[in-house]
Each structure stands twice: as structure tokens, then as C-alpha cells.
N, C-alpha and C. Protein backbone atom coordinates (compact mmCIF):
# COMPACT_ATOMS: atom_id res chain seq x y z
N GLU A 1 -94.25 -24.37 -2.24
CA GLU A 1 -95.49 -25.11 -2.25
C GLU A 1 -96.59 -24.17 -1.78
N ASN A 2 -97.65 -24.08 -2.50
CA ASN A 2 -98.75 -23.17 -2.18
C ASN A 2 -98.25 -21.74 -1.98
N GLY A 3 -97.32 -21.32 -2.82
CA GLY A 3 -96.80 -19.96 -2.74
C GLY A 3 -95.76 -19.73 -1.66
N LYS A 4 -95.33 -20.78 -0.97
CA LYS A 4 -94.33 -20.65 0.09
C LYS A 4 -93.10 -21.48 -0.26
N PRO A 5 -91.91 -20.98 0.10
CA PRO A 5 -90.71 -21.78 -0.18
C PRO A 5 -90.71 -23.07 0.63
N ILE A 6 -90.22 -24.13 0.02
CA ILE A 6 -90.13 -25.40 0.73
C ILE A 6 -88.68 -25.80 0.97
N SER A 7 -87.76 -25.10 0.31
CA SER A 7 -86.34 -25.33 0.57
C SER A 7 -85.56 -24.09 0.14
N ILE A 8 -84.38 -23.96 0.71
CA ILE A 8 -83.52 -22.82 0.42
C ILE A 8 -82.12 -23.35 0.14
N PHE A 9 -81.51 -22.86 -0.93
CA PHE A 9 -80.14 -23.26 -1.27
C PHE A 9 -79.24 -22.04 -1.23
N ASP A 10 -78.11 -22.18 -0.60
CA ASP A 10 -77.13 -21.11 -0.51
C ASP A 10 -75.78 -21.72 -0.88
N PHE A 11 -75.23 -21.31 -2.03
CA PHE A 11 -74.02 -21.93 -2.53
C PHE A 11 -72.75 -21.12 -2.28
N ASP A 12 -72.81 -20.10 -1.42
CA ASP A 12 -71.65 -19.25 -1.18
C ASP A 12 -70.43 -20.05 -0.73
N ILE A 13 -70.61 -20.90 0.22
CA ILE A 13 -69.50 -21.75 0.68
C ILE A 13 -70.02 -23.18 0.73
N CYS A 14 -70.31 -23.67 -0.43
CA CYS A 14 -70.90 -24.99 -0.59
C CYS A 14 -69.89 -26.06 -0.16
N SER A 15 -70.29 -26.83 0.82
CA SER A 15 -69.49 -27.95 1.28
C SER A 15 -70.36 -28.80 2.20
N PRO A 16 -69.98 -30.06 2.36
CA PRO A 16 -70.76 -30.89 3.27
C PRO A 16 -70.67 -30.35 4.70
N GLY A 17 -71.76 -30.40 5.40
CA GLY A 17 -71.76 -29.94 6.78
C GLY A 17 -72.73 -30.75 7.60
N SER A 18 -72.54 -30.69 8.89
CA SER A 18 -73.45 -31.42 9.77
C SER A 18 -74.78 -30.68 9.85
N PRO A 19 -75.84 -31.37 10.19
CA PRO A 19 -77.13 -30.69 10.38
C PRO A 19 -77.04 -29.55 11.40
N ALA A 20 -76.22 -29.73 12.44
CA ALA A 20 -76.06 -28.68 13.45
C ALA A 20 -75.45 -27.43 12.82
N ASN A 21 -74.39 -27.61 12.03
CA ASN A 21 -73.77 -26.47 11.35
C ASN A 21 -74.75 -25.79 10.41
N GLU A 22 -75.52 -26.59 9.71
CA GLU A 22 -76.47 -26.04 8.75
C GLU A 22 -77.55 -25.22 9.46
N LEU A 23 -78.03 -25.71 10.59
CA LEU A 23 -79.03 -24.94 11.34
C LEU A 23 -78.43 -23.65 11.89
N GLY A 24 -77.20 -23.72 12.38
CA GLY A 24 -76.52 -22.52 12.86
C GLY A 24 -76.37 -21.49 11.76
N TRP A 25 -75.93 -21.94 10.60
CA TRP A 25 -75.74 -21.05 9.45
C TRP A 25 -77.08 -20.48 8.98
N THR A 26 -78.06 -21.34 8.85
CA THR A 26 -79.38 -20.92 8.34
C THR A 26 -80.02 -19.89 9.25
N THR A 27 -80.04 -20.15 10.54
CA THR A 27 -80.69 -19.19 11.45
C THR A 27 -79.93 -17.87 11.48
N TRP A 28 -78.61 -17.93 11.43
CA TRP A 28 -77.80 -16.72 11.45
C TRP A 28 -78.10 -15.86 10.23
N HIS A 29 -78.05 -16.44 9.05
CA HIS A 29 -78.17 -15.66 7.83
C HIS A 29 -79.60 -15.40 7.38
N TRP A 30 -80.43 -16.39 7.39
CA TRP A 30 -81.78 -16.21 6.85
C TRP A 30 -82.69 -15.46 7.82
N LEU A 31 -82.40 -15.51 9.10
CA LEU A 31 -83.19 -14.75 10.07
C LEU A 31 -82.53 -13.41 10.39
N GLU A 32 -81.36 -13.17 9.81
CA GLU A 32 -80.60 -11.94 10.00
C GLU A 32 -80.25 -11.70 11.48
N ILE A 33 -79.86 -12.77 12.15
CA ILE A 33 -79.47 -12.66 13.55
C ILE A 33 -78.16 -11.87 13.65
N GLY A 34 -78.16 -10.86 14.47
CA GLY A 34 -76.99 -9.99 14.62
C GLY A 34 -77.08 -8.72 13.81
N ASN A 35 -78.18 -8.54 13.08
CA ASN A 35 -78.39 -7.33 12.29
C ASN A 35 -78.96 -6.24 13.19
N ASN A 36 -78.24 -5.13 13.31
CA ASN A 36 -78.67 -4.05 14.20
C ASN A 36 -79.97 -3.37 13.78
N LYS A 37 -80.46 -3.66 12.59
CA LYS A 37 -81.74 -3.08 12.15
C LYS A 37 -82.91 -3.62 12.97
N TYR A 38 -82.71 -4.78 13.58
CA TYR A 38 -83.79 -5.43 14.32
C TYR A 38 -83.43 -5.53 15.80
N SER A 39 -84.40 -5.29 16.64
CA SER A 39 -84.17 -5.35 18.09
C SER A 39 -83.85 -6.79 18.50
N SER A 40 -83.23 -6.92 19.67
CA SER A 40 -82.93 -8.27 20.16
C SER A 40 -84.23 -9.03 20.42
N ASP A 41 -85.28 -8.33 20.86
CA ASP A 41 -86.57 -9.01 21.06
C ASP A 41 -87.11 -9.57 19.75
N GLU A 42 -86.99 -8.81 18.67
CA GLU A 42 -87.46 -9.28 17.36
C GLU A 42 -86.63 -10.47 16.90
N GLN A 43 -85.34 -10.42 17.13
CA GLN A 43 -84.48 -11.53 16.70
C GLN A 43 -84.74 -12.78 17.54
N LYS A 44 -85.01 -12.60 18.82
CA LYS A 44 -85.37 -13.74 19.67
C LYS A 44 -86.68 -14.34 19.18
N ARG A 45 -87.63 -13.49 18.81
CA ARG A 45 -88.92 -13.97 18.30
C ARG A 45 -88.73 -14.78 17.03
N ARG A 46 -87.94 -14.26 16.10
CA ARG A 46 -87.69 -14.96 14.84
C ARG A 46 -87.06 -16.33 15.09
N LEU A 47 -86.07 -16.35 15.98
CA LEU A 47 -85.40 -17.61 16.28
C LEU A 47 -86.36 -18.61 16.91
N LYS A 48 -87.21 -18.14 17.81
CA LYS A 48 -88.18 -19.02 18.46
C LYS A 48 -89.17 -19.59 17.45
N VAL A 49 -89.68 -18.75 16.56
CA VAL A 49 -90.62 -19.21 15.54
C VAL A 49 -89.95 -20.29 14.67
N PHE A 50 -88.73 -20.02 14.23
CA PHE A 50 -87.99 -20.97 13.41
C PHE A 50 -87.83 -22.31 14.14
N CYS A 51 -87.35 -22.24 15.37
CA CYS A 51 -87.10 -23.46 16.14
C CYS A 51 -88.40 -24.20 16.46
N ASP A 52 -89.44 -23.45 16.80
CA ASP A 52 -90.73 -24.09 17.07
C ASP A 52 -91.22 -24.87 15.86
N GLU A 53 -91.03 -24.31 14.67
CA GLU A 53 -91.48 -25.00 13.45
C GLU A 53 -90.70 -26.28 13.20
N TYR A 54 -89.44 -26.31 13.62
CA TYR A 54 -88.63 -27.52 13.48
C TYR A 54 -88.75 -28.44 14.69
N GLY A 55 -89.44 -27.98 15.73
CA GLY A 55 -89.62 -28.80 16.92
C GLY A 55 -88.34 -28.97 17.73
N ILE A 56 -87.50 -27.91 17.73
CA ILE A 56 -86.25 -27.98 18.47
C ILE A 56 -86.14 -26.78 19.41
N ASP A 57 -85.32 -26.95 20.43
CA ASP A 57 -85.09 -25.90 21.41
C ASP A 57 -84.11 -24.86 20.83
N THR A 58 -84.24 -23.61 21.23
CA THR A 58 -83.37 -22.56 20.72
C THR A 58 -81.94 -22.66 21.25
N SER A 59 -81.76 -23.20 22.44
CA SER A 59 -80.42 -23.23 23.06
C SER A 59 -79.36 -23.92 22.20
N PRO A 60 -79.61 -25.14 21.72
CA PRO A 60 -78.57 -25.76 20.89
C PRO A 60 -78.37 -25.02 19.56
N VAL A 61 -79.42 -24.45 19.02
CA VAL A 61 -79.29 -23.72 17.77
C VAL A 61 -78.40 -22.49 17.98
N LEU A 62 -78.59 -21.79 19.09
CA LEU A 62 -77.71 -20.66 19.41
C LEU A 62 -76.27 -21.12 19.58
N GLU A 63 -76.08 -22.25 20.22
CA GLU A 63 -74.74 -22.79 20.40
C GLU A 63 -74.09 -23.09 19.04
N TRP A 64 -74.85 -23.70 18.14
CA TRP A 64 -74.33 -24.02 16.81
C TRP A 64 -74.05 -22.74 16.03
N MET A 65 -74.91 -21.73 16.19
CA MET A 65 -74.72 -20.46 15.50
C MET A 65 -73.42 -19.80 15.95
N VAL A 66 -73.21 -19.77 17.25
CA VAL A 66 -72.00 -19.16 17.81
C VAL A 66 -70.75 -19.89 17.31
N LYS A 67 -70.80 -21.21 17.28
CA LYS A 67 -69.66 -21.99 16.77
C LYS A 67 -69.39 -21.66 15.31
N ARG A 68 -70.44 -21.56 14.53
CA ARG A 68 -70.29 -21.26 13.10
C ARG A 68 -69.74 -19.85 12.90
N GLN A 69 -70.25 -18.89 13.66
CA GLN A 69 -69.76 -17.52 13.56
C GLN A 69 -68.29 -17.44 13.95
N ALA A 70 -67.92 -18.12 15.03
CA ALA A 70 -66.53 -18.11 15.48
C ALA A 70 -65.62 -18.76 14.43
N PHE A 71 -66.06 -19.86 13.86
CA PHE A 71 -65.28 -20.53 12.82
C PHE A 71 -65.06 -19.59 11.63
N CYS A 72 -66.10 -18.95 11.18
CA CYS A 72 -66.00 -18.05 10.02
C CYS A 72 -65.17 -16.81 10.34
N ALA A 73 -65.26 -16.32 11.56
CA ALA A 73 -64.52 -15.12 11.95
C ALA A 73 -63.02 -15.38 11.97
N GLN A 74 -62.63 -16.63 12.21
CA GLN A 74 -61.20 -16.95 12.37
C GLN A 74 -60.59 -17.66 11.17
N ASN A 75 -61.37 -18.01 10.19
CA ASN A 75 -60.89 -18.82 9.08
C ASN A 75 -60.31 -17.95 7.96
N GLU A 76 -59.04 -18.10 7.68
CA GLU A 76 -58.35 -17.31 6.67
C GLU A 76 -58.86 -17.57 5.26
N PHE A 77 -59.62 -18.63 5.08
CA PHE A 77 -60.21 -18.93 3.77
C PHE A 77 -61.12 -17.80 3.31
N PHE A 78 -61.79 -17.16 4.26
CA PHE A 78 -62.76 -16.11 3.94
C PHE A 78 -62.07 -14.76 3.80
N GLU A 79 -62.67 -13.89 3.01
CA GLU A 79 -62.16 -12.53 2.85
C GLU A 79 -62.26 -11.79 4.18
N HIS A 80 -61.37 -10.82 4.34
CA HIS A 80 -61.31 -10.05 5.58
C HIS A 80 -62.67 -9.42 5.93
N SER A 81 -63.35 -8.84 4.96
CA SER A 81 -64.62 -8.18 5.25
C SER A 81 -65.67 -9.16 5.77
N PHE A 82 -65.66 -10.39 5.24
CA PHE A 82 -66.61 -11.39 5.72
C PHE A 82 -66.24 -11.84 7.13
N ARG A 83 -64.95 -12.03 7.37
CA ARG A 83 -64.51 -12.41 8.73
C ARG A 83 -64.90 -11.34 9.74
N GLU A 84 -64.77 -10.08 9.33
CA GLU A 84 -65.17 -8.97 10.19
C GLU A 84 -66.67 -9.01 10.48
N HIS A 85 -67.46 -9.26 9.44
CA HIS A 85 -68.91 -9.39 9.60
C HIS A 85 -69.24 -10.52 10.58
N CYS A 86 -68.54 -11.63 10.44
CA CYS A 86 -68.77 -12.78 11.33
C CYS A 86 -68.44 -12.43 12.77
N ALA A 87 -67.33 -11.75 12.97
CA ALA A 87 -66.92 -11.35 14.32
C ALA A 87 -67.92 -10.39 14.94
N GLN A 88 -68.41 -9.45 14.16
CA GLN A 88 -69.40 -8.50 14.67
C GLN A 88 -70.71 -9.20 15.01
N SER A 89 -71.13 -10.13 14.16
CA SER A 89 -72.34 -10.90 14.44
C SER A 89 -72.17 -11.73 15.70
N LEU A 90 -71.01 -12.35 15.84
CA LEU A 90 -70.72 -13.16 17.02
C LEU A 90 -70.79 -12.31 18.29
N ASP A 91 -70.17 -11.15 18.27
CA ASP A 91 -70.21 -10.26 19.43
C ASP A 91 -71.64 -9.87 19.76
N TRP A 92 -72.43 -9.53 18.75
CA TRP A 92 -73.83 -9.14 18.97
C TRP A 92 -74.62 -10.28 19.60
N VAL A 93 -74.46 -11.47 19.06
CA VAL A 93 -75.19 -12.63 19.58
C VAL A 93 -74.81 -12.90 21.03
N LYS A 94 -73.52 -12.86 21.34
CA LYS A 94 -73.08 -13.11 22.71
C LYS A 94 -73.62 -12.07 23.67
N LYS A 95 -73.72 -10.83 23.25
CA LYS A 95 -74.22 -9.75 24.11
C LYS A 95 -75.74 -9.78 24.27
N ASN A 96 -76.45 -10.21 23.23
CA ASN A 96 -77.90 -10.06 23.21
C ASN A 96 -78.73 -11.33 23.30
N LEU A 97 -78.15 -12.47 22.92
CA LEU A 97 -78.97 -13.68 22.87
C LEU A 97 -78.47 -14.82 23.71
N VAL A 98 -77.17 -14.87 23.98
CA VAL A 98 -76.63 -16.02 24.73
C VAL A 98 -76.68 -15.74 26.21
């Protein structure tokens, strides 16, 4: 709308999920949380901006993100390389944001 996205669809692992899971997944992937290219301060800023726009606190979103990362890191449904990516992201988040 007005040149800005109003919704985002990601069909990689399409399945019903709770709003909490969706927020955890969205902030993790779309904000690139856990990507070493960006400082922890930059990632904290991105997360705060996102949460402020939704009118929610960052703490529960971080909790949901960590749960989602842990689930993906341990789930045999996913390919090994993706599980490894999830585990690395989880470790980064625990060290830098939680």
C-alpha cells in the first residue's frame, strides 16, 4: 500500500501456527536476527522497531523466537543444514539478546 508491503507470505514450511509462533518466526527471519553481519545493537533496534509498530513488548517475542529456533533445531523433519542454521541462530540470540 502506497509503495510499502502490507503483508508477507512465506510458504517454506506452510502449516497452521499460533500468532506467537508466527511472530517468533517472522522476527527471526525477516529481521535477520542472529545474522553475524549485523551488530547486536542493530538487531535489538530492528526488533524494537518491529515490536513498537505492533504495540507489543520485545520480551515475549524473544521468548517465542527462542522456542521456534529450538523447535526447528531439533526437528528431524528439517534438513540437517537448516537445523544447524537454527541452532546457530538460537545460540547467537541467547548470547546477545536474551
